[in-house]
Protein backbone atom coordinates (compact mmCIF):
# COMPACT_ATOMS: atom_id res chain seq x y z
CA MET A 1 31.53 30.27 28.56
CA ASN A 2 32.24 28.84 25.35
CA LEU A 3 30.81 31.65 22.94
CA ARG A 4 29.16 29.25 20.68
CA ARG A 5 27.21 27.68 23.48
CA LEU A 6 26.25 30.91 24.89
CA TRP A 7 24.68 32.14 21.76
CA ARG A 8 23.14 28.80 21.08
CA MET A 9 21.38 28.71 24.39
CA ILE A 10 20.03 32.27 23.49
CA ARG A 11 18.61 31.18 20.13
CA LEU A 12 17.42 27.72 21.64
CA ALA A 13 15.75 29.37 24.61
CA SER A 14 14.02 31.94 22.09
CA ALA A 15 13.05 29.19 19.67
CA LEU A 16 11.47 26.81 22.39
CA ALA A 17 9.60 30.08 23.85
CA ALA A 18 8.10 30.75 20.09
CA CYS A 19 7.34 27.26 19.43
CA MET A 20 5.10 26.82 22.67
CA MET A 21 3.58 30.13 22.11
CA ARG A 22 2.35 28.92 18.43
CA PHE A 23 1.03 25.76 20.00
CA ALA A 24 -0.96 27.72 22.52
CA LEU A 25 -2.19 29.85 19.89
CA LYS A 26 -3.13 26.92 17.67
CA ARG A 27 -4.96 25.19 20.82
CA PHE A 28 -6.56 28.49 21.69
CA CYS A 29 -8.69 28.08 18.33
CA GLY A 30 -9.52 24.81 19.14
CA PRO A 31 -8.43 21.00 19.92
CA LEU A 32 -5.77 19.82 17.46
CA THR A 33 -5.98 16.54 15.70
CA PRO A 34 -3.21 14.12 15.80
CA THR A 35 -2.06 15.38 12.17
CA GLN A 36 -1.92 18.99 13.23
CA ARG A 37 -0.03 18.34 16.29
CA SER A 38 2.69 16.37 13.92
CA LEU A 39 2.97 19.43 11.66
CA TRP A 40 3.55 21.61 14.83
CA LEU A 41 6.26 19.48 15.99
CA GLN A 42 7.90 19.41 12.12
CA SER A 43 7.65 23.45 12.45
CA ALA A 44 9.06 23.67 16.07
CA CYS A 45 11.91 21.11 15.10
CA ARG A 46 12.80 22.90 12.17
CA GLY A 47 12.94 26.37 14.20
CA VAL A 48 15.32 24.60 16.96
CA LEU A 49 17.88 23.06 14.08
CA ASP A 50 18.07 26.82 12.61
CA SER A 51 18.63 27.97 16.26
CA LEU A 52 21.38 25.77 16.68
CA GLY A 53 23.04 26.16 13.11
CA ILE A 54 22.94 22.20 12.50
CA SER A 55 21.51 20.76 9.19
CA TYR A 56 20.59 17.75 7.84
CA ARG A 57 20.30 16.00 4.48
CA ILE A 58 17.75 12.98 3.41
CA ALA A 59 18.67 10.03 0.67
CA GLY A 60 15.57 8.04 -0.67
CA GLU A 61 11.80 9.26 -0.92
CA THR A 62 10.50 10.75 2.37
CA PRO A 63 7.66 8.48 4.09
CA SER A 64 4.40 9.94 3.95
CA SER A 65 2.47 7.07 5.86
CA GLY A 66 3.47 3.61 7.25
CA LEU A 67 5.34 2.56 10.14
CA VAL A 68 9.48 3.65 10.08
CA VAL A 69 11.61 1.86 11.84
CA SER A 70 15.34 3.30 12.73
CA ASN A 71 18.26 3.09 14.44
CA HIS A 72 18.52 5.20 17.56
CA LEU A 73 21.40 7.50 18.57
CA SER A 74 20.00 9.98 21.24
CA TYR A 75 16.93 12.58 21.58
CA LEU A 76 18.45 14.59 18.60
CA ASP A 77 17.03 11.73 16.54
CA ILE A 78 13.65 12.59 17.12
CA VAL A 79 14.43 16.61 16.09
CA PHE A 80 15.65 15.53 12.61
CA TYR A 81 13.06 13.03 12.00
CA SER A 82 10.52 15.52 12.77
CA ALA A 83 12.22 18.06 10.66
CA ALA A 84 12.53 15.86 7.94
CA MET A 85 8.86 14.97 7.93
CA PRO A 86 5.74 15.21 9.94
CA CYS A 87 5.39 11.94 12.20
CA PHE A 88 4.38 10.39 15.14
CA PHE A 89 6.89 9.05 17.79
CA VAL A 90 6.46 5.89 20.11
CA SER A 91 8.67 6.58 23.10
CA LYS A 92 8.96 5.42 26.84
CA THR A 93 7.23 7.28 29.42
CA GLU A 94 9.95 8.60 31.32
CA VAL A 95 10.20 11.22 28.53
CA MET A 96 7.27 12.92 29.57
CA ARG A 97 8.88 13.93 32.92
CA TRP A 98 11.75 15.55 31.07
CA PRO A 99 11.42 19.83 31.52
CA TYR A 100 9.96 21.31 28.63
CA PHE A 101 10.72 18.67 26.36
CA GLY A 102 8.04 15.94 28.00
CA ALA A 103 5.40 18.53 27.17
CA ALA A 104 6.45 19.03 23.84
CA ALA A 105 6.27 15.38 23.05
CA ARG A 106 3.11 15.32 24.31
CA ALA A 107 2.02 18.38 22.32
CA GLY A 108 3.12 16.69 19.26
CA GLY A 109 1.18 13.41 19.49
CA THR A 110 3.83 10.93 20.89
CA ILE A 111 2.72 7.54 21.83
CA PHE A 112 3.72 6.88 25.04
CA LEU A 113 4.78 3.27 26.21
CA ASP A 114 5.40 1.87 29.80
CA ARG A 115 8.12 -0.59 29.25
CA THR A 116 7.02 -2.52 32.32
CA SER A 117 3.15 -2.74 31.78
CA ARG A 118 1.91 -5.29 29.52
CA GLY A 119 -1.48 -3.26 29.42
CA SER A 120 0.34 -0.25 28.47
CA ALA A 121 1.90 -2.14 25.21
CA ALA A 122 -1.39 -3.33 24.41
CA ALA A 123 -2.93 0.28 24.53
CA VAL A 124 0.21 1.43 22.57
CA ALA A 125 -0.31 -1.37 19.82
CA HIS A 126 -3.97 -0.35 19.36
CA GLU A 127 -3.39 3.43 19.19
CA MET A 128 -0.66 2.98 16.96
CA ALA A 129 -2.82 0.72 14.46
CA THR A 130 -5.49 3.76 14.52
CA ARG A 131 -2.64 6.06 13.64
CA LEU A 132 -1.17 3.94 11.17
CA SER A 133 -4.45 4.87 9.06
CA LEU A 134 -3.51 8.41 9.19
CA PRO A 135 -1.33 10.00 6.08
CA VAL A 136 1.43 10.79 8.56
CA PRO A 137 3.88 8.22 9.54
CA VAL A 138 4.74 6.38 13.21
CA LEU A 139 8.21 6.48 13.89
CA LEU A 140 9.58 3.57 16.24
CA PHE A 141 13.08 3.07 17.51
CA PRO A 142 13.15 -1.04 18.08
CA GLU A 143 16.30 -1.17 19.24
CA GLY A 144 14.34 0.21 22.56
CA THR A 145 17.71 2.39 23.71
CA SER A 146 19.93 4.86 22.06
CA THR A 147 23.54 3.82 21.43
CA ASP A 148 27.29 4.74 20.43
CA GLY A 149 26.41 4.17 16.73
CA CYS A 150 29.08 1.11 16.49
CA GLU A 151 26.47 -1.49 16.06
CA VAL A 152 22.89 -1.67 15.47
CA ARG A 153 21.11 -4.01 17.96
CA ARG A 154 18.86 -6.41 17.43
CA PHE A 155 15.25 -4.82 16.87
CA HIS A 156 12.60 -6.05 18.98
CA SER A 157 9.52 -7.43 17.18
CA GLY A 158 6.33 -6.40 19.45
CA LEU A 159 5.40 -3.28 18.16
CA PHE A 160 5.70 -4.34 14.51
CA GLN A 161 2.71 -6.00 14.68
CA SER A 162 0.63 -3.01 14.43
CA ALA A 163 1.59 -2.51 10.88
CA ILE A 164 1.05 -6.37 10.46
CA ASP A 165 -2.80 -6.56 11.61
CA THR A 166 -3.41 -3.10 9.32
CA GLY A 167 -1.18 -4.22 6.33
CA ALA A 168 0.52 -0.89 6.78
CA PRO A 169 3.84 -0.54 5.11
CA VAL A 170 7.17 -0.87 6.96
CA ILE A 171 10.14 1.58 6.05
CA ALA A 172 13.51 0.99 7.00
CA ALA A 173 15.39 4.35 7.89
CA ALA A 174 18.97 5.08 9.10
CA ILE A 175 20.39 8.33 11.19
CA ARG A 176 23.95 8.63 11.39
CA TYR A 177 26.03 11.91 12.53
CA MET A 178 28.53 13.45 10.85
CA PRO A 179 30.79 16.04 13.53
CA GLY A 180 32.62 18.52 12.35
CA ALA A 181 36.83 18.27 12.54
CA GLY A 182 36.96 14.74 12.44
CA ALA A 183 35.43 13.76 15.31
CA PRO A 184 34.14 10.66 16.08
CA GLU A 185 29.89 10.18 15.63
CA SER A 186 29.75 9.11 19.32
CA THR A 187 30.64 12.71 20.55
CA LEU A 188 27.05 13.30 19.58
CA CYS A 189 25.31 10.40 20.98
CA TRP A 190 23.42 10.15 24.20
CA PHE A 191 23.82 6.39 25.37
CA GLY A 192 24.32 4.73 28.66
CA ASN A 193 24.30 6.45 31.62
CA ALA A 194 25.13 10.07 30.43
CA ALA A 195 22.70 12.61 31.93
CA PHE A 196 20.42 14.63 29.73
CA SER A 197 21.35 18.00 30.84
CA SER A 198 25.47 17.46 30.78
CA HIS A 199 25.07 15.77 27.03
CA LEU A 200 22.83 18.66 25.66
CA TRP A 201 25.27 21.17 27.54
CA LYS A 202 28.21 19.08 25.39
CA VAL A 203 26.15 19.62 22.07
CA LEU A 204 25.68 23.39 22.43
CA ALA A 205 29.21 23.88 22.50
CA ALA A 206 30.00 21.46 19.72
CA PRO A 207 31.02 22.68 16.26
CA SER A 208 28.23 22.70 13.78
CA PHE A 209 27.47 19.17 12.32
CA THR A 210 25.23 17.21 10.01
CA ALA A 211 22.82 14.48 10.14
CA GLU A 212 22.11 11.75 7.34
CA ILE A 213 18.71 10.26 6.86
CA VAL A 214 18.22 7.10 4.38
CA PHE A 215 15.32 5.77 3.87
CA GLY A 216 14.22 2.50 2.44
CA GLU A 217 11.47 1.58 0.29
CA PRO A 218 8.07 1.15 2.02
CA ARG A 219 7.52 -2.89 2.30
CA VAL A 220 4.25 -5.08 3.79
CA TYR A 221 5.45 -8.09 5.71
CA ALA A 222 3.45 -11.20 6.85
CA ASP A 223 4.74 -11.69 10.28
CA ARG A 224 6.63 -8.90 12.64
CA ARG A 225 9.46 -11.33 13.07
CA SER A 226 10.25 -11.20 9.49
CA ALA A 227 9.56 -7.70 9.58
CA ALA A 228 11.80 -7.16 12.33
CA GLU A 229 14.89 -8.95 10.70
CA SER A 230 14.43 -7.70 7.52
CA THR A 231 13.93 -4.16 8.40
CA HIS A 232 17.23 -4.54 10.99
CA GLU A 233 19.65 -5.99 8.06
CA CYS A 234 18.57 -3.09 5.96
CA VAL A 235 18.98 -0.70 8.58
CA ALA A 236 22.59 -1.86 9.39
CA ALA A 237 23.17 -1.72 5.57
CA MET A 238 22.49 1.71 5.11
CA ARG A 239 24.58 2.73 8.36
CA ASP A 240 27.31 0.99 6.70
CA GLY A 241 26.91 3.58 3.63
CA LYS A 242 26.30 0.62 1.25
CA ALA A 243 22.68 1.88 0.76
CA ALA A 244 23.80 5.49 0.15
CA ARG A 245 26.14 4.47 -2.60
CA LEU A 246 23.79 1.98 -4.41
CA GLY A 247 20.40 3.69 -4.03
CA ALA A 248 18.36 2.76 -0.74
CA GLU A 249 15.41 1.62 -2.31
CA CYS A 250 17.06 -0.92 -4.54
CA PHE A 251 19.82 -1.71 -2.11
CA CYS A 252 17.06 -2.70 0.48
CA ASN A 253 14.77 -4.53 -2.22
CA GLN A 254 17.95 -6.82 -2.96
CA LEU A 255 18.57 -7.51 0.82
CA ILE A 256 14.58 -8.43 0.91
CA ARG A 257 14.75 -10.87 -1.89
CA LYS A 258 17.61 -12.78 -0.75
CA SER A 259 16.14 -13.06 2.54
CA LEU A 260 13.13 -14.45 1.25
């Protein structure tokens, strides 16, 4: 067995066990608020990244509230974003059935969406509106799936409506992976029909890598379609590296003014 993989497996298992132990102790002291759950998840994800020897860096101002929308490369995005800031995720219900990680997602206050149910979409929209009033961002991956990073797919506008109804700011965000040894980003992406376990097995053996997260400036939109289109353009530009060179906030402002 690859020694790097073995060492990371041991450290990851230890970190995950410690995370759930801390959560159990917090629950023993009484019910946790959604904000407390997001703070627990942030601490847990920082511990996971530390156990794997993986780093991240941030460009732009880290949001403290509002709806953050991002491209989606893999389940690793959740670890990086949670480490960067306390936040609530909107995720598909299938995640609830994942071993360990489903329980961790529930413990961290994730909002689960059943994509086959209109009733679920309405319930999720209501819960998002409630969470948007808290001093913790809600994070959405509006592509609806993870990709290999070659393009940012069209953003589905439906769940933007909660931000429109509450007047909450929408913040564009972009994430990219930078593998070592000149490997393509897609080697770390989880997409298509790849099994979760086989992808994690590969990540555990991969050389240490860095993720970069770029945040744009908060904007309030009049309707969900313009919010989806403007943030998509911003995220695509940040993925191209243009915003990183010119400054995320200024560059996204230029794009938004141009679209208006």
